[in-house]
Amino acid sequence: MQKFFILLIRGYQRFISPLFPPSCRYYPSCSSYMLEALKVHGVFKGLLMGIARVLRCNPLFKGGIDYVPENFSLRKNKEDKEKPQYKY
């Protein structure tokens, strides 16, 4: 199941995303964040985290650096300023 969602996101990144100008308010991009969340936290939690991130990606939120936290959370990761070393 995880590979299916990773394939969907990779397809979006390769074929759909290049058709539009960059608009993500965060680094890494929302699609990259969801890929990492799927790898670190599994399908259910990873999808929840990715969807929460996409919902935060709008003018009402500041944006900035937001790496996938090592512990499951639906909020912006304010602790990590450098990319954590994940254990897959």
PDB file of N, CA and C in Angstrom:
ATOM      1  N   MET A   1       0.820  -1.188   0.000  1.00  0.00           N
ATOM      2  CA  MET A   1       0.000   0.000   0.000  1.00  0.00           C
ATOM      3  C   MET A   1       0.875   1.267   0.000  1.00  0.00           C
ATOM      4  N   GLN A   2       1.946   1.226   0.793  1.00  0.00           N
ATOM      5  CA  GLN A   2       2.844   2.373   0.881  1.00  0.00           C
ATOM      6  C   GLN A   2       3.470   2.669  -0.481  1.00  0.00           C
ATOM      7  N   LYS A   3       3.881   1.637  -1.192  1.00  0.00           N
ATOM      8  CA  LYS A   3       4.504   1.821  -2.506  1.00  0.00           C
ATOM      9  C   LYS A   3       3.528   2.458  -3.496  1.00  0.00           C
ATOM     10  N   PHE A   4       2.249   2.136  -3.381  1.00  0.00           N
ATOM     11  CA  PHE A   4       1.230   2.716  -4.249  1.00  0.00           C
ATOM     12  C   PHE A   4       1.160   4.240  -4.070  1.00  0.00           C
ATOM     13  N   PHE A   5       1.124   4.693  -2.814  1.00  0.00           N
ATOM     14  CA  PHE A   5       1.049   6.133  -2.563  1.00  0.00           C
ATOM     15  C   PHE A   5       2.347   6.840  -2.947  1.00  0.00           C
ATOM     16  N   ILE A   6       3.464   6.191  -2.731  1.00  0.00           N
ATOM     17  CA  ILE A   6       4.743   6.771  -3.148  1.00  0.00           C
ATOM     18  C   ILE A   6       4.772   6.919  -4.664  1.00  0.00           C
ATOM     19  N   LEU A   7       4.274   5.932  -5.372  1.00  0.00           N
ATOM     20  CA  LEU A   7       4.198   6.000  -6.835  1.00  0.00           C
ATOM     21  C   LEU A   7       3.285   7.142  -7.294  1.00  0.00           C
ATOM     22  N   LEU A   8       2.150   7.314  -6.636  1.00  0.00           N
ATOM     23  CA  LEU A   8       1.243   8.428  -6.972  1.00  0.00           C
ATOM     24  C   LEU A   8       1.922   9.782  -6.775  1.00  0.00           C
ATOM     25  N   ILE A   9       2.603   9.936  -5.666  1.00  0.00           N
ATOM     26  CA  ILE A   9       3.259  11.217  -5.378  1.00  0.00           C
ATOM     27  C   ILE A   9       4.404  11.460  -6.349  1.00  0.00           C
ATOM     28  N   ARG A  10       5.180  10.438  -6.638  1.00  0.00           N
ATOM     29  CA  ARG A  10       6.270  10.578  -7.627  1.00  0.00           C
ATOM     30  C   ARG A  10       5.703  10.948  -9.004  1.00  0.00           C
ATOM     31  N   GLY A  11       4.582  10.359  -9.369  1.00  0.00           N
ATOM     32  CA  GLY A  11       3.934  10.704 -10.634  1.00  0.00           C
ATOM     33  C   GLY A  11       3.490  12.154 -10.656  1.00  0.00           C
ATOM     34  N   TYR A  12       2.933  12.610  -9.538  1.00  0.00           N
ATOM     35  CA  TYR A  12       2.548  14.022  -9.430  1.00  0.00           C
ATOM     36  C   TYR A  12       3.773  14.917  -9.583  1.00  0.00           C
ATOM     37  N   GLN A  13       4.862  14.580  -8.889  1.00  0.00           N
ATOM     38  CA  GLN A  13       6.071  15.397  -8.944  1.00  0.00           C
ATOM     39  C   GLN A  13       6.660  15.437 -10.357  1.00  0.00           C
ATOM     40  N   ARG A  14       6.574  14.337 -11.047  1.00  0.00           N
ATOM     41  CA  ARG A  14       7.202  14.257 -12.368  1.00  0.00           C
ATOM     42  C   ARG A  14       6.354  14.835 -13.495  1.00  0.00           C
ATOM     43  N   PHE A  15       5.039  14.597 -13.445  1.00  0.00           N
ATOM     44  CA  PHE A  15       4.209  14.949 -14.598  1.00  0.00           C
ATOM     45  C   PHE A  15       3.256  16.128 -14.373  1.00  0.00           C
ATOM     46  N   ILE A  16       2.776  16.344 -13.181  1.00  0.00           N
ATOM     47  CA  ILE A  16       1.786  17.398 -12.936  1.00  0.00           C
ATOM     48  C   ILE A  16       2.431  18.664 -12.369  1.00  0.00           C
ATOM     49  N   SER A  17       3.272  18.510 -11.370  1.00  0.00           N
ATOM     50  CA  SER A  17       3.894  19.661 -10.714  1.00  0.00           C
ATOM     51  C   SER A  17       4.659  20.583 -11.676  1.00  0.00           C
ATOM     52  N   PRO A  18       5.407  20.055 -12.656  1.00  0.00           N
ATOM     53  CA  PRO A  18       6.138  20.944 -13.567  1.00  0.00           C
ATOM     54  C   PRO A  18       5.233  21.843 -14.418  1.00  0.00           C
ATOM     55  N   LEU A  19       3.962  21.531 -14.509  1.00  0.00           N
ATOM     56  CA  LEU A  19       3.051  22.339 -15.320  1.00  0.00           C
ATOM     57  C   LEU A  19       2.630  23.633 -14.622  1.00  0.00           C
ATOM     58  N   PHE A  20       2.921  23.738 -13.327  1.00  0.00           N
ATOM     59  CA  PHE A  20       2.503  24.904 -12.542  1.00  0.00           C
ATOM     60  C   PHE A  20       3.721  25.578 -11.924  1.00  0.00           C
ATOM     61  N   PRO A  21       3.631  26.896 -11.667  1.00  0.00           N
ATOM     62  CA  PRO A  21       4.757  27.573 -11.016  1.00  0.00           C
ATOM     63  C   PRO A  21       4.882  27.111  -9.557  1.00  0.00           C
ATOM     64  N   PRO A  22       6.089  27.173  -8.986  1.00  0.00           N
ATOM     65  CA  PRO A  22       6.270  26.786  -7.579  1.00  0.00           C
ATOM     66  C   PRO A  22       5.385  27.648  -6.668  1.00  0.00           C
ATOM     67  N   SER A  23       4.658  27.012  -5.765  1.00  0.00           N
ATOM     68  CA  SER A  23       3.765  27.784  -4.901  1.00  0.00           C
ATOM     69  C   SER A  23       3.773  27.307  -3.453  1.00  0.00           C
ATOM     70  N   CYS A  24       4.578  26.304  -3.129  1.00  0.00           N
ATOM     71  CA  CYS A  24       4.597  25.794  -1.762  1.00  0.00           C
ATOM     72  C   CYS A  24       5.275  26.805  -0.844  1.00  0.00           C
ATOM     73  N   ARG A  25       4.676  27.038   0.311  1.00  0.00           N
ATOM     74  CA  ARG A  25       5.183  28.002   1.281  1.00  0.00           C
ATOM     75  C   ARG A  25       6.226  27.389   2.212  1.00  0.00           C
ATOM     76  N   TYR A  26       6.438  26.102   2.083  1.00  0.00           N
ATOM     77  CA  TYR A  26       7.331  25.387   2.993  1.00  0.00           C
ATOM     78  C   TYR A  26       8.511  24.781   2.260  1.00  0.00           C
ATOM     79  N   TYR A  27       9.537  24.475   3.027  1.00  0.00           N
ATOM     80  CA  TYR A  27      10.651  23.668   2.548  1.00  0.00           C
ATOM     81  C   TYR A  27      10.801  22.504   3.511  1.00  0.00           C
ATOM     82  N   PRO A  28      10.868  21.299   3.051  1.00  0.00           N
ATOM     83  CA  PRO A  28      10.725  20.814   1.683  1.00  0.00           C
ATOM     84  C   PRO A  28       9.290  20.969   1.183  1.00  0.00           C
ATOM     85  N   SER A  29       9.099  20.820  -0.104  1.00  0.00           N
ATOM     86  CA  SER A  29       7.768  21.004  -0.699  1.00  0.00           C
ATOM     87  C   SER A  29       6.775  20.034  -0.070  1.00  0.00           C
ATOM     88  N   CYS A  30       5.503  20.313  -0.221  1.00  0.00           N
ATOM     89  CA  CYS A  30       4.462  19.475   0.388  1.00  0.00           C
ATOM     90  C   CYS A  30       4.514  18.038  -0.129  1.00  0.00           C
ATOM     91  N   SER A  31       4.796  17.857  -1.413  1.00  0.00           N
ATOM     92  CA  SER A  31       4.858  16.486  -1.940  1.00  0.00           C
ATOM     93  C   SER A  31       6.082  15.755  -1.392  1.00  0.00           C
ATOM     94  N   SER A  32       7.204  16.434  -1.259  1.00  0.00           N
ATOM     95  CA  SER A  32       8.396  15.814  -0.671  1.00  0.00           C
ATOM     96  C   SER A  32       8.172  15.493   0.804  1.00  0.00           C
ATOM     97  N   TYR A  33       7.464  16.377   1.492  1.00  0.00           N
ATOM     98  CA  TYR A  33       7.126  16.155   2.899  1.00  0.00           C
ATOM     99  C   TYR A  33       6.270  14.899   3.040  1.00  0.00           C
ATOM    100  N   MET A  34       5.272  14.754   2.168  1.00  0.00           N
ATOM    101  CA  MET A  34       4.389  13.585   2.262  1.00  0.00           C
ATOM    102  C   MET A  34       5.164  12.300   1.962  1.00  0.00           C
ATOM    103  N   LEU A  35       6.076  12.332   1.001  1.00  0.00           N
ATOM    104  CA  LEU A  35       6.901  11.152   0.721  1.00  0.00           C
ATOM    105  C   LEU A  35       7.702  10.747   1.951  1.00  0.00           C
ATOM    106  N   GLU A  36       8.336  11.705   2.580  1.00  0.00           N
ATOM    107  CA  GLU A  36       9.144  11.426   3.761  1.00  0.00           C
ATOM    108  C   GLU A  36       8.274  10.949   4.920  1.00  0.00           C
ATOM    109  N   ALA A  37       7.102  11.556   5.088  1.00  0.00           N
ATOM    110  CA  ALA A  37       6.184  11.150   6.160  1.00  0.00           C
ATOM    111  C   ALA A  37       5.716   9.709   5.942  1.00  0.00           C
ATOM    112  N   LEU A  38       5.459   9.334   4.702  1.00  0.00           N
ATOM    113  CA  LEU A  38       5.066   7.951   4.406  1.00  0.00           C
ATOM    114  C   LEU A  38       6.180   6.973   4.756  1.00  0.00           C
ATOM    115  N   LYS A  39       7.411   7.332   4.432  1.00  0.00           N
ATOM    116  CA  LYS A  39       8.540   6.455   4.712  1.00  0.00           C
ATOM    117  C   LYS A  39       8.812   6.332   6.212  1.00  0.00           C
ATOM    118  N   VAL A  40       8.698   7.448   6.933  1.00  0.00           N
ATOM    119  CA  VAL A  40       9.038   7.460   8.355  1.00  0.00           C
ATOM    120  C   VAL A  40       7.914   6.905   9.227  1.00  0.00           C
ATOM    121  N   HIS A  41       6.669   7.278   8.927  1.00  0.00           N
ATOM    122  CA  HIS A  41       5.554   6.960   9.819  1.00  0.00           C
ATOM    123  C   HIS A  41       4.558   5.942   9.269  1.00  0.00           C
ATOM    124  N   GLY A  42       4.759   5.459   8.060  1.00  0.00           N
ATOM    125  CA  GLY A  42       3.839   4.485   7.493  1.00  0.00           C
ATOM    126  C   GLY A  42       2.681   5.155   6.765  1.00  0.00           C
ATOM    127  N   VAL A  43       1.806   4.333   6.207  1.00  0.00           N
ATOM    128  CA  VAL A  43       0.753   4.836   5.324  1.00  0.00           C
ATOM    129  C   VAL A  43      -0.250   5.716   6.062  1.00  0.00           C
ATOM    130  N   PHE A  44      -0.868   5.221   7.104  1.00  0.00           N
ATOM    131  CA  PHE A  44      -1.956   5.965   7.743  1.00  0.00           C
ATOM    132  C   PHE A  44      -1.468   7.288   8.343  1.00  0.00           C
ATOM    133  N   LYS A  45      -0.457   7.215   9.199  1.00  0.00           N
ATOM    134  CA  LYS A  45       0.049   8.441   9.834  1.00  0.00           C
ATOM    135  C   LYS A  45       0.707   9.356   8.804  1.00  0.00           C
ATOM    136  N   GLY A  46       1.426   8.778   7.836  1.00  0.00           N
ATOM    137  CA  GLY A  46       2.078   9.578   6.806  1.00  0.00           C
ATOM    138  C   GLY A  46       1.089  10.353   5.962  1.00  0.00           C
ATOM    139  N   LEU A  47      -0.021   9.711   5.586  1.00  0.00           N
ATOM    140  CA  LEU A  47      -1.060  10.416   4.819  1.00  0.00           C
ATOM    141  C   LEU A  47      -1.707  11.516   5.656  1.00  0.00           C
ATOM    142  N   LEU A  48      -1.978  11.231   6.923  1.00  0.00           N
ATOM    143  CA  LEU A  48      -2.552  12.263   7.796  1.00  0.00           C
ATOM    144  C   LEU A  48      -1.624  13.469   7.906  1.00  0.00           C
ATOM    145  N   MET A  49      -0.338  13.199   8.106  1.00  0.00           N
ATOM    146  CA  MET A  49       0.627  14.293   8.218  1.00  0.00           C
ATOM    147  C   MET A  49       0.724  15.081   6.908  1.00  0.00           C
ATOM    148  N   GLY A  50       0.736  14.374   5.785  1.00  0.00           N
ATOM    149  CA  GLY A  50       0.822  15.039   4.488  1.00  0.00           C
ATOM    150  C   GLY A  50      -0.400  15.890   4.188  1.00  0.00           C
ATOM    151  N   ILE A  51      -1.574  15.372   4.496  1.00  0.00           N
ATOM    152  CA  ILE A  51      -2.811  16.127   4.271  1.00  0.00           C
ATOM    153  C   ILE A  51      -2.853  17.360   5.172  1.00  0.00           C
ATOM    154  N   ALA A  52      -2.438  17.199   6.433  1.00  0.00           N
ATOM    155  CA  ALA A  52      -2.400  18.346   7.348  1.00  0.00           C
ATOM    156  C   ALA A  52      -1.437  19.411   6.822  1.00  0.00           C
ATOM    157  N   ARG A  53      -0.325  18.982   6.265  1.00  0.00           N
ATOM    158  CA  ARG A  53       0.662  19.920   5.722  1.00  0.00           C
ATOM    159  C   ARG A  53       0.093  20.675   4.524  1.00  0.00           C
ATOM    160  N   VAL A  54      -0.572  19.965   3.618  1.00  0.00           N
ATOM    161  CA  VAL A  54      -1.173  20.605   2.439  1.00  0.00           C
ATOM    162  C   VAL A  54      -2.228  21.622   2.882  1.00  0.00           C
ATOM    163  N   LEU A  55      -2.988  21.302   3.905  1.00  0.00           N
ATOM    164  CA  LEU A  55      -4.001  22.235   4.403  1.00  0.00           C
ATOM    165  C   LEU A  55      -3.368  23.479   5.032  1.00  0.00           C
ATOM    166  N   ARG A  56      -2.143  23.349   5.566  1.00  0.00           N
ATOM    167  CA  ARG A  56      -1.427  24.499   6.140  1.00  0.00           C
ATOM    168  C   ARG A  56      -0.741  25.338   5.071  1.00  0.00           C
ATOM    169  N   CYS A  57      -0.641  24.840   3.861  1.00  0.00           N
ATOM    170  CA  CYS A  57       0.096  25.524   2.798  1.00  0.00           C
ATOM    171  C   CYS A  57      -0.821  26.546   2.120  1.00  0.00           C
ATOM    172  N   ASN A  58      -1.053  27.651   2.812  1.00  0.00           N
ATOM    173  CA  ASN A  58      -1.899  28.722   2.289  1.00  0.00           C
ATOM    174  C   ASN A  58      -1.453  30.044   2.902  1.00  0.00           C
ATOM    175  N   PRO A  59      -1.955  31.171   2.420  1.00  0.00           N
ATOM    176  CA  PRO A  59      -1.497  32.478   2.895  1.00  0.00           C
ATOM    177  C   PRO A  59      -1.763  32.766   4.382  1.00  0.00           C
ATOM    178  N   LEU A  60      -2.588  31.973   5.046  1.00  0.00           N
ATOM    179  CA  LEU A  60      -2.859  32.207   6.467  1.00  0.00           C
ATOM    180  C   LEU A  60      -1.735  31.705   7.366  1.00  0.00           C
ATOM    181  N   PHE A  61      -0.821  30.905   6.813  1.00  0.00           N
ATOM    182  CA  PHE A  61       0.289  30.360   7.580  1.00  0.00           C
ATOM    183  C   PHE A  61       1.600  30.918   7.044  1.00  0.00           C
ATOM    184  N   LYS A  62       2.566  31.081   7.931  1.00  0.00           N
ATOM    185  CA  LYS A  62       3.825  31.706   7.588  1.00  0.00           C
ATOM    186  C   LYS A  62       4.678  30.871   6.632  1.00  0.00           C
ATOM    187  N   GLY A  63       4.677  29.565   6.791  1.00  0.00           N
ATOM    188  CA  GLY A  63       5.527  28.709   5.963  1.00  0.00           C
ATOM    189  C   GLY A  63       6.899  28.575   6.584  1.00  0.00           C
ATOM    190  N   GLY A  64       7.910  28.317   5.764  1.00  0.00           N
ATOM    191  CA  GLY A  64       9.281  28.175   6.253  1.00  0.00           C
ATOM    192  C   GLY A  64       9.748  26.729   6.222  1.00  0.00           C
ATOM    193  N   ILE A  65      10.787  26.452   6.988  1.00  0.00           N
ATOM    194  CA  ILE A  65      11.349  25.104   7.051  1.00  0.00           C
ATOM    195  C   ILE A  65      10.477  24.248   7.950  1.00  0.00           C
ATOM    196  N   ASP A  66      10.104  23.079   7.448  1.00  0.00           N
ATOM    197  CA  ASP A  66       9.217  22.185   8.198  1.00  0.00           C
ATOM    198  C   ASP A  66       9.526  20.738   7.808  1.00  0.00           C
ATOM    199  N   TYR A  67      10.508  20.147   8.485  1.00  0.00           N
ATOM    200  CA  TYR A  67      10.853  18.754   8.216  1.00  0.00           C
ATOM    201  C   TYR A  67       9.869  17.834   8.914  1.00  0.00           C
ATOM    202  N   VAL A  68       9.770  16.616   8.433  1.00  0.00           N
ATOM    203  CA  VAL A  68       8.917  15.603   9.064  1.00  0.00           C
ATOM    204  C   VAL A  68       9.492  15.303  10.446  1.00  0.00           C
ATOM    205  N   PRO A  69       8.692  15.453  11.507  1.00  0.00           N
ATOM    206  CA  PRO A  69       9.211  15.156  12.843  1.00  0.00           C
ATOM    207  C   PRO A  69       9.382  13.650  13.048  1.00  0.00           C
ATOM    208  N   GLU A  70      10.302  13.280  13.928  1.00  0.00           N
ATOM    209  CA  GLU A  70      10.517  11.865  14.208  1.00  0.00           C
ATOM    210  C   GLU A  70       9.332  11.262  14.952  1.00  0.00           C
ATOM    211  N   ASN A  71       8.670  12.064  15.760  1.00  0.00           N
ATOM    212  CA  ASN A  71       7.466  11.624  16.475  1.00  0.00           C
ATOM    213  C   ASN A  71       6.247  12.151  15.744  1.00  0.00           C
ATOM    214  N   PHE A  72       5.213  11.336  15.636  1.00  0.00           N
ATOM    215  CA  PHE A  72       4.002  11.712  14.914  1.00  0.00           C
ATOM    216  C   PHE A  72       3.395  12.993  15.476  1.00  0.00           C
ATOM    217  N   SER A  73       3.095  13.942  14.593  1.00  0.00           N
ATOM    218  CA  SER A  73       2.458  15.202  14.970  1.00  0.00           C
ATOM    219  C   SER A  73       1.814  15.813  13.730  1.00  0.00           C
ATOM    220  N   LEU A  74       0.645  16.410  13.915  1.00  0.00           N
ATOM    221  CA  LEU A  74      -0.020  17.070  12.792  1.00  0.00           C
ATOM    222  C   LEU A  74       0.318  18.558  12.743  1.00  0.00           C
ATOM    223  N   ARG A  75       1.136  19.014  13.658  1.00  0.00           N
ATOM    224  CA  ARG A  75       1.525  20.433  13.701  1.00  0.00           C
ATOM    225  C   ARG A  75       2.868  20.650  13.026  1.00  0.00           C
ATOM    226  N   LYS A  76       3.160  21.921  12.754  1.00  0.00           N
ATOM    227  CA  LYS A  76       4.440  22.270  12.151  1.00  0.00           C
ATOM    228  C   LYS A  76       5.567  21.893  13.100  1.00  0.00           C
ATOM    229  N   ASN A  77       6.624  21.341  12.543  1.00  0.00           N
ATOM    230  CA  ASN A  77       7.793  20.937  13.324  1.00  0.00           C
ATOM    231  C   ASN A  77       8.648  22.170  13.587  1.00  0.00           C
ATOM    232  N   LYS A  78       8.571  22.717  14.781  1.00  0.00           N
ATOM    233  CA  LYS A  78       9.325  23.930  15.130  1.00  0.00           C
ATOM    234  C   LYS A  78      10.671  23.601  15.756  1.00  0.00           C
ATOM    235  N   GLU A  79      10.894  22.329  16.086  1.00  0.00           N
ATOM    236  CA  GLU A  79      12.118  21.937  16.781  1.00  0.00           C
ATOM    237  C   GLU A  79      13.291  21.719  15.840  1.00  0.00           C
ATOM    238  N   ASP A  80      13.080  21.050  14.749  1.00  0.00           N
ATOM    239  CA  ASP A  80      14.175  20.670  13.860  1.00  0.00           C
ATOM    240  C   ASP A  80      14.462  21.767  12.845  1.00  0.00           C
ATOM    241  N   LYS A  81      15.653  22.344  12.929  1.00  0.00           N
ATOM    242  CA  LYS A  81      16.089  23.341  11.955  1.00  0.00           C
ATOM    243  C   LYS A  81      16.982  22.693  10.900  1.00  0.00           C
ATOM    244  N   GLU A  82      17.450  21.483  11.204  1.00  0.00           N
ATOM    245  CA  GLU A  82      18.198  20.687  10.245  1.00  0.00           C
ATOM    246  C   GLU A  82      17.441  19.392  10.039  1.00  0.00           C
ATOM    247  N   LYS A  83      17.629  18.787   8.891  1.00  0.00           N
ATOM    248  CA  LYS A  83      16.912  17.547   8.591  1.00  0.00           C
ATOM    249  C   LYS A  83      17.320  16.457   9.580  1.00  0.00           C
ATOM    250  N   PRO A  84      16.339  15.855  10.278  1.00  0.00           N
ATOM    251  CA  PRO A  84      16.658  14.772  11.213  1.00  0.00           C
ATOM    252  C   PRO A  84      17.192  13.537  10.488  1.00  0.00           C
ATOM    253  N   GLN A  85      17.944  12.728  11.190  1.00  0.00           N
ATOM    254  CA  GLN A  85      18.426  11.458  10.654  1.00  0.00           C
ATOM    255  C   GLN A  85      17.395  10.388  10.991  1.00  0.00           C
ATOM    256  N   TYR A  86      16.540  10.069  10.026  1.00  0.00           N
ATOM    257  CA  TYR A  86      15.456   9.119  10.251  1.00  0.00           C
ATOM    258  C   TYR A  86      15.983   7.695  10.241  1.00  0.00           C
ATOM    259  N   LYS A  87      15.312   6.842  10.996  1.00  0.00           N
ATOM    260  CA  LYS A  87      15.619   5.411  11.004  1.00  0.00           C
ATOM    261  C   LYS A  87      14.440   4.701  10.366  1.00  0.00           C
ATOM    262  N   TYR A  88      14.585   4.294   9.113  1.00  0.00           N
ATOM    263  CA  TYR A  88      13.491   3.650   8.382  1.00  0.00           C
ATOM    264  C   TYR A  88      13.287   2.241   8.846  1.00  0.00           C
TER     265      TYR A  88
END
